């Protein structure tokens, strides 16, 4: 999933969140919001895993 696609997810999640606070959500909208949140979390977890897989630890030599 691209960064632009995740931005669309975030915008829709925020839109539903605003609606929830003002007039409430219908059942299908609440389900959509939860599905989008889970997809967003999956995206973030994959980004973290990818970042961590590219981390290299270098040991410092002891101070003398």
PDB file of N, CA and C in Angstrom:
ATOM      1  N   UNK A   1       0.851  -1.173   0.000  1.00  0.00           N
ATOM      2  CA  UNK A   1       0.000   0.000   0.000  1.00  0.00           C
ATOM      3  C   UNK A   1       0.893   1.231   0.000  1.00  0.00           C
ATOM      4  N   UNK A   2       0.540   2.192  -0.814  1.00  0.00           N
ATOM      5  CA  UNK A   2       1.361   3.397  -0.923  1.00  0.00           C
ATOM      6  C   UNK A   2       0.987   4.420   0.146  1.00  0.00           C
ATOM      7  N   UNK A   3       1.861   5.387   0.300  1.00  0.00           N
ATOM      8  CA  UNK A   3       1.619   6.442   1.276  1.00  0.00           C
ATOM      9  C   UNK A   3       0.380   7.252   0.906  1.00  0.00           C
ATOM     10  N   UNK A   4       0.162   7.488  -0.387  1.00  0.00           N
ATOM     11  CA  UNK A   4      -1.029   8.239  -0.801  1.00  0.00           C
ATOM     12  C   UNK A   4      -2.305   7.451  -0.507  1.00  0.00           C
ATOM     13  N   UNK A   5      -2.249   6.143  -0.663  1.00  0.00           N
ATOM     14  CA  UNK A   5      -3.420   5.309  -0.345  1.00  0.00           C
ATOM     15  C   UNK A   5      -3.713   5.350   1.146  1.00  0.00           C
ATOM     16  N   UNK A   6      -2.691   5.309   1.968  1.00  0.00           N
ATOM     17  CA  UNK A   6      -2.912   5.356   3.416  1.00  0.00           C
ATOM     18  C   UNK A   6      -3.450   6.723   3.818  1.00  0.00           C
ATOM     19  N   UNK A   7      -3.069   7.773   3.098  1.00  0.00           N
ATOM     20  CA  UNK A   7      -3.605   9.106   3.386  1.00  0.00           C
ATOM     21  C   UNK A   7      -5.116   9.144   3.148  1.00  0.00           C
ATOM     22  N   UNK A   8      -5.583   8.460   2.125  1.00  0.00           N
ATOM     23  CA  UNK A   8      -7.019   8.379   1.852  1.00  0.00           C
ATOM     24  C   UNK A   8      -7.722   7.655   2.997  1.00  0.00           C
ATOM     25  N   UNK A   9      -7.105   6.582   3.507  1.00  0.00           N
ATOM     26  CA  UNK A   9      -7.655   5.856   4.656  1.00  0.00           C
ATOM     27  C   UNK A   9      -7.771   6.789   5.858  1.00  0.00           C
ATOM     28  N   UNK A  10      -6.716   7.544   6.123  1.00  0.00           N
ATOM     29  CA  UNK A  10      -6.696   8.440   7.279  1.00  0.00           C
ATOM     30  C   UNK A  10      -7.791   9.503   7.153  1.00  0.00           C
ATOM     31  N   UNK A  11      -7.929  10.057   5.959  1.00  0.00           N
ATOM     32  CA  UNK A  11      -8.964  11.073   5.748  1.00  0.00           C
ATOM     33  C   UNK A  11     -10.355  10.505   6.007  1.00  0.00           C
ATOM     34  N   UNK A  12     -10.615   9.278   5.545  1.00  0.00           N
ATOM     35  CA  UNK A  12     -11.925   8.657   5.752  1.00  0.00           C
ATOM     36  C   UNK A  12     -12.133   8.324   7.233  1.00  0.00           C
ATOM     37  N   UNK A  13     -11.110   7.826   7.889  1.00  0.00           N
ATOM     38  CA  UNK A  13     -11.206   7.539   9.333  1.00  0.00           C
ATOM     39  C   UNK A  13     -11.549   8.827  10.079  1.00  0.00           C
ATOM     40  N   UNK A  14     -10.876   9.912   9.750  1.00  0.00           N
ATOM     41  CA  UNK A  14     -11.132  11.197  10.405  1.00  0.00           C
ATOM     42  C   UNK A  14     -12.535  11.718  10.103  1.00  0.00           C
ATOM     43  N   UNK A  15     -12.962  11.544   8.867  1.00  0.00           N
ATOM     44  CA  UNK A  15     -14.317  11.963   8.488  1.00  0.00           C
ATOM     45  C   UNK A  15     -15.358  11.211   9.316  1.00  0.00           C
ATOM     46  N   UNK A  16     -15.181   9.907   9.429  1.00  0.00           N
ATOM     47  CA  UNK A  16     -16.110   9.102  10.224  1.00  0.00           C
ATOM     48  C   UNK A  16     -16.034   9.466  11.705  1.00  0.00           C
ATOM     49  N   UNK A  17     -14.852   9.790  12.178  1.00  0.00           N
ATOM     50  CA  UNK A  17     -14.685  10.182  13.573  1.00  0.00           C
ATOM     51  C   UNK A  17     -15.436  11.481  13.870  1.00  0.00           C
ATOM     52  N   UNK A  18     -15.330  12.448  12.958  1.00  0.00           N
ATOM     53  CA  UNK A  18     -16.054  13.707  13.139  1.00  0.00           C
ATOM     54  C   UNK A  18     -17.563  13.462  13.145  1.00  0.00           C
ATOM     55  N   UNK A  19     -18.015  12.615  12.235  1.00  0.00           N
ATOM     56  CA  UNK A  19     -19.449  12.309  12.163  1.00  0.00           C
ATOM     57  C   UNK A  19     -19.907  11.603  13.437  1.00  0.00           C
ATOM     58  N   UNK A  20     -19.070  10.712  13.942  1.00  0.00           N
ATOM     59  CA  UNK A  20     -19.416   9.985  15.166  1.00  0.00           C
ATOM     60  C   UNK A  20     -19.626  10.954  16.326  1.00  0.00           C
ATOM     61  N   UNK A  21     -18.761  11.964  16.422  1.00  0.00           N
ATOM     62  CA  UNK A  21     -18.867  12.944  17.504  1.00  0.00           C
ATOM     63  C   UNK A  21     -20.062  13.868  17.353  1.00  0.00           C
ATOM     64  N   UNK A  22     -20.491  14.131  16.123  1.00  0.00           N
ATOM     65  CA  UNK A  22     -21.571  15.092  15.919  1.00  0.00           C
ATOM     66  C   UNK A  22     -22.946  14.432  15.854  1.00  0.00           C
ATOM     67  N   UNK A  23     -23.149  13.534  14.916  1.00  0.00           N
ATOM     68  CA  UNK A  23     -24.490  12.951  14.730  1.00  0.00           C
ATOM     69  C   UNK A  23     -24.544  11.458  14.975  1.00  0.00           C
ATOM     70  N   UNK A  24     -23.396  10.842  15.139  1.00  0.00           N
ATOM     71  CA  UNK A  24     -23.355   9.392  15.335  1.00  0.00           C
ATOM     72  C   UNK A  24     -23.211   8.658  14.016  1.00  0.00           C
ATOM     73  N   UNK A  25     -22.845   7.404  14.129  1.00  0.00           N
ATOM     74  CA  UNK A  25     -22.630   6.572  12.950  1.00  0.00           C
ATOM     75  C   UNK A  25     -23.692   5.496  12.850  1.00  0.00           C
ATOM     76  N   UNK A  26     -24.010   5.154  11.617  1.00  0.00           N
ATOM     77  CA  UNK A  26     -24.853   3.989  11.395  1.00  0.00           C
ATOM     78  C   UNK A  26     -23.972   2.757  11.594  1.00  0.00           C
ATOM     79  N   UNK A  27     -24.603   1.617  11.736  1.00  0.00           N
ATOM     80  CA  UNK A  27     -23.863   0.378  12.013  1.00  0.00           C
ATOM     81  C   UNK A  27     -22.822   0.085  10.937  1.00  0.00           C
ATOM     82  N   UNK A  28     -23.185   0.277   9.675  1.00  0.00           N
ATOM     83  CA  UNK A  28     -22.249  -0.014   8.586  1.00  0.00           C
ATOM     84  C   UNK A  28     -21.077   0.969   8.580  1.00  0.00           C
ATOM     85  N   UNK A  29     -21.329   2.209   9.014  1.00  0.00           N
ATOM     86  CA  UNK A  29     -20.241   3.192   9.076  1.00  0.00           C
ATOM     87  C   UNK A  29     -19.270   2.860  10.198  1.00  0.00           C
ATOM     88  N   UNK A  30     -19.803   2.403  11.327  1.00  0.00           N
ATOM     89  CA  UNK A  30     -18.939   1.991  12.435  1.00  0.00           C
ATOM     90  C   UNK A  30     -18.086   0.797  12.021  1.00  0.00           C
ATOM     91  N   UNK A  31     -18.677  -0.131  11.278  1.00  0.00           N
ATOM     92  CA  UNK A  31     -17.926  -1.290  10.791  1.00  0.00           C
ATOM     93  C   UNK A  31     -16.851  -0.856   9.799  1.00  0.00           C
ATOM     94  N   UNK A  32     -17.196   0.090   8.932  1.00  0.00           N
ATOM     95  CA  UNK A  32     -16.208   0.616   7.973  1.00  0.00           C
ATOM     96  C   UNK A  32     -15.059   1.293   8.710  1.00  0.00           C
ATOM     97  N   UNK A  33     -15.392   2.086   9.729  1.00  0.00           N
ATOM     98  CA  UNK A  33     -14.368   2.784  10.499  1.00  0.00           C
ATOM     99  C   UNK A  33     -13.416   1.790  11.155  1.00  0.00           C
ATOM    100  N   UNK A  34     -13.948   0.742  11.742  1.00  0.00           N
ATOM    101  CA  UNK A  34     -13.102  -0.262  12.399  1.00  0.00           C
ATOM    102  C   UNK A  34     -12.230  -0.994  11.379  1.00  0.00           C
ATOM    103  N   UNK A  35     -12.799  -1.332  10.234  1.00  0.00           N
ATOM    104  CA  UNK A  35     -12.020  -2.014   9.189  1.00  0.00           C
ATOM    105  C   UNK A  35     -10.883  -1.119   8.699  1.00  0.00           C
ATOM    106  N   UNK A  36     -11.172   0.168   8.520  1.00  0.00           N
ATOM    107  CA  UNK A  36     -10.130   1.105   8.080  1.00  0.00           C
ATOM    108  C   UNK A  36      -9.042   1.254   9.137  1.00  0.00           C
ATOM    109  N   UNK A  37      -9.438   1.302  10.395  1.00  0.00           N
ATOM    110  CA  UNK A  37      -8.452   1.388  11.485  1.00  0.00           C
ATOM    111  C   UNK A  37      -7.541   0.169  11.491  1.00  0.00           C
ATOM    112  N   UNK A  38      -8.122  -1.005  11.318  1.00  0.00           N
ATOM    113  CA  UNK A  38      -7.314  -2.227  11.318  1.00  0.00           C
ATOM    114  C   UNK A  38      -6.351  -2.241  10.131  1.00  0.00           C
ATOM    115  N   UNK A  39      -6.816  -1.793   8.974  1.00  0.00           N
ATOM    116  CA  UNK A  39      -5.951  -1.719   7.796  1.00  0.00           C
ATOM    117  C   UNK A  39      -4.815  -0.722   8.027  1.00  0.00           C
ATOM    118  N   UNK A  40      -5.130   0.392   8.649  1.00  0.00           N
ATOM    119  CA  UNK A  40      -4.121   1.413   8.971  1.00  0.00           C
ATOM    120  C   UNK A  40      -3.083   0.843   9.939  1.00  0.00           C
ATOM    121  N   UNK A  41      -3.547   0.153  10.981  1.00  0.00           N
ATOM    122  CA  UNK A  41      -2.621  -0.442  11.949  1.00  0.00           C
ATOM    123  C   UNK A  41      -1.725  -1.489  11.293  1.00  0.00           C
ATOM    124  N   UNK A  42      -2.279  -2.270  10.396  1.00  0.00           N
ATOM    125  CA  UNK A  42      -1.482  -3.258   9.662  1.00  0.00           C
ATOM    126  C   UNK A  42      -0.396  -2.554   8.852  1.00  0.00           C
ATOM    127  N   UNK A  43      -0.758  -1.470   8.197  1.00  0.00           N
ATOM    128  CA  UNK A  43       0.207  -0.698   7.419  1.00  0.00           C
ATOM    129  C   UNK A  43       1.336  -0.181   8.308  1.00  0.00           C
ATOM    130  N   UNK A  44       0.976   0.395   9.459  1.00  0.00           N
ATOM    131  CA  UNK A  44       1.971   0.941  10.376  1.00  0.00           C
ATOM    132  C   UNK A  44       2.884  -0.169  10.903  1.00  0.00           C
ATOM    133  N   UNK A  45       2.308  -1.302  11.277  1.00  0.00           N
ATOM    134  CA  UNK A  45       3.123  -2.425  11.779  1.00  0.00           C
ATOM    135  C   UNK A  45       4.121  -2.885  10.730  1.00  0.00           C
ATOM    136  N   UNK A  46       3.682  -2.960   9.471  1.00  0.00           N
ATOM    137  CA  UNK A  46       4.580  -3.375   8.396  1.00  0.00           C
ATOM    138  C   UNK A  46       5.701  -2.356   8.195  1.00  0.00           C
ATOM    139  N   UNK A  47       5.376  -1.084   8.318  1.00  0.00           N
ATOM    140  CA  UNK A  47       6.403  -0.043   8.192  1.00  0.00           C
ATOM    141  C   UNK A  47       7.443  -0.171   9.304  1.00  0.00           C
ATOM    142  N   UNK A  48       6.987  -0.418  10.516  1.00  0.00           N
ATOM    143  CA  UNK A  48       7.904  -0.577  11.651  1.00  0.00           C
ATOM    144  C   UNK A  48       8.779  -1.806  11.454  1.00  0.00           C
ATOM    145  N   UNK A  49       8.177  -2.921  11.033  1.00  0.00           N
ATOM    146  CA  UNK A  49       8.957  -4.142  10.787  1.00  0.00           C
ATOM    147  C   UNK A  49      10.013  -3.906   9.720  1.00  0.00           C
ATOM    148  N   UNK A  50       9.624  -3.220   8.644  1.00  0.00           N
ATOM    149  CA  UNK A  50      10.572  -2.948   7.560  1.00  0.00           C
ATOM    150  C   UNK A  50      11.720  -2.069   8.055  1.00  0.00           C
ATOM    151  N   UNK A  51      11.385  -1.062   8.826  1.00  0.00           N
ATOM    152  CA  UNK A  51      12.415  -0.173   9.370  1.00  0.00           C
ATOM    153  C   UNK A  51      13.361  -0.933  10.280  1.00  0.00           C
ATOM    154  N   UNK A  52      12.793  -1.743  11.171  1.00  0.00           N
ATOM    155  CA  UNK A  52      13.634  -2.491  12.102  1.00  0.00           C
ATOM    156  C   UNK A  52      14.491  -3.537  11.403  1.00  0.00           C
ATOM    157  N   UNK A  53      13.995  -4.096  10.320  1.00  0.00           N
ATOM    158  CA  UNK A  53      14.789  -5.097   9.605  1.00  0.00           C
ATOM    159  C   UNK A  53      15.999  -4.466   8.924  1.00  0.00           C
ATOM    160  N   UNK A  54      15.971  -3.153   8.738  1.00  0.00           N
ATOM    161  CA  UNK A  54      17.096  -2.464   8.106  1.00  0.00           C
ATOM    162  C   UNK A  54      18.046  -1.819   9.108  1.00  0.00           C
ATOM    163  N   UNK A  55      17.780  -1.989  10.384  1.00  0.00           N
ATOM    164  CA  UNK A  55      18.634  -1.408  11.418  1.00  0.00           C
ATOM    165  C   UNK A  55      19.850  -2.302  11.622  1.00  0.00           C
ATOM    166  N   UNK A  56      20.993  -1.675  11.688  1.00  0.00           N
ATOM    167  CA  UNK A  56      22.222  -2.403  11.973  1.00  0.00           C
ATOM    168  C   UNK A  56      22.806  -1.860  13.272  1.00  0.00           C
ATOM    169  N   UNK A  57      23.157  -2.763  14.145  1.00  0.00           N
ATOM    170  CA  UNK A  57      23.734  -2.372  15.427  1.00  0.00           C
ATOM    171  C   UNK A  57      25.248  -2.467  15.312  1.00  0.00           C
ATOM    172  N   UNK A  58      25.899  -1.395  15.705  1.00  0.00           N
ATOM    173  CA  UNK A  58      27.358  -1.384  15.703  1.00  0.00           C
ATOM    174  C   UNK A  58      27.823  -1.271  17.147  1.00  0.00           C
ATOM    175  N   UNK A  59      28.740  -2.122  17.504  1.00  0.00           N
ATOM    176  CA  UNK A  59      29.271  -2.079  18.861  1.00  0.00           C
ATOM    177  C   UNK A  59      30.419  -1.079  18.931  1.00  0.00           C
ATOM    178  N   UNK A  60      30.380  -0.278  19.965  1.00  0.00           N
ATOM    179  CA  UNK A  60      31.472   0.661  20.198  1.00  0.00           C
ATOM    180  C   UNK A  60      32.618  -0.082  20.881  1.00  0.00           C
ATOM    181  N   UNK A  61      33.821   0.343  20.594  1.00  0.00           N
ATOM    182  CA  UNK A  61      34.950  -0.238  21.312  1.00  0.00           C
ATOM    183  C   UNK A  61      34.964   0.346  22.715  1.00  0.00           C
ATOM    184  N   UNK A  62      35.414  -0.422  23.688  1.00  0.00           N
ATOM    185  CA  UNK A  62      35.443   0.075  25.082  1.00  0.00           C
ATOM    186  C   UNK A  62      36.329   1.313  25.190  1.00  0.00           C
ATOM    187  N   UNK A  63      35.957   2.192  26.071  1.00  0.00           N
ATOM    188  CA  UNK A  63      36.770   3.387  26.291  1.00  0.00           C
ATOM    189  C   UNK A  63      38.083   3.011  26.955  1.00  0.00           C
ATOM    190  N   UNK A  64      39.131   3.645  26.542  1.00  0.00           N
ATOM    191  CA  UNK A  64      40.434   3.314  27.124  1.00  0.00           C
ATOM    192  C   UNK A  64      41.022   4.503  27.812  1.00  0.00           C
TER     193      UNK A  64
END
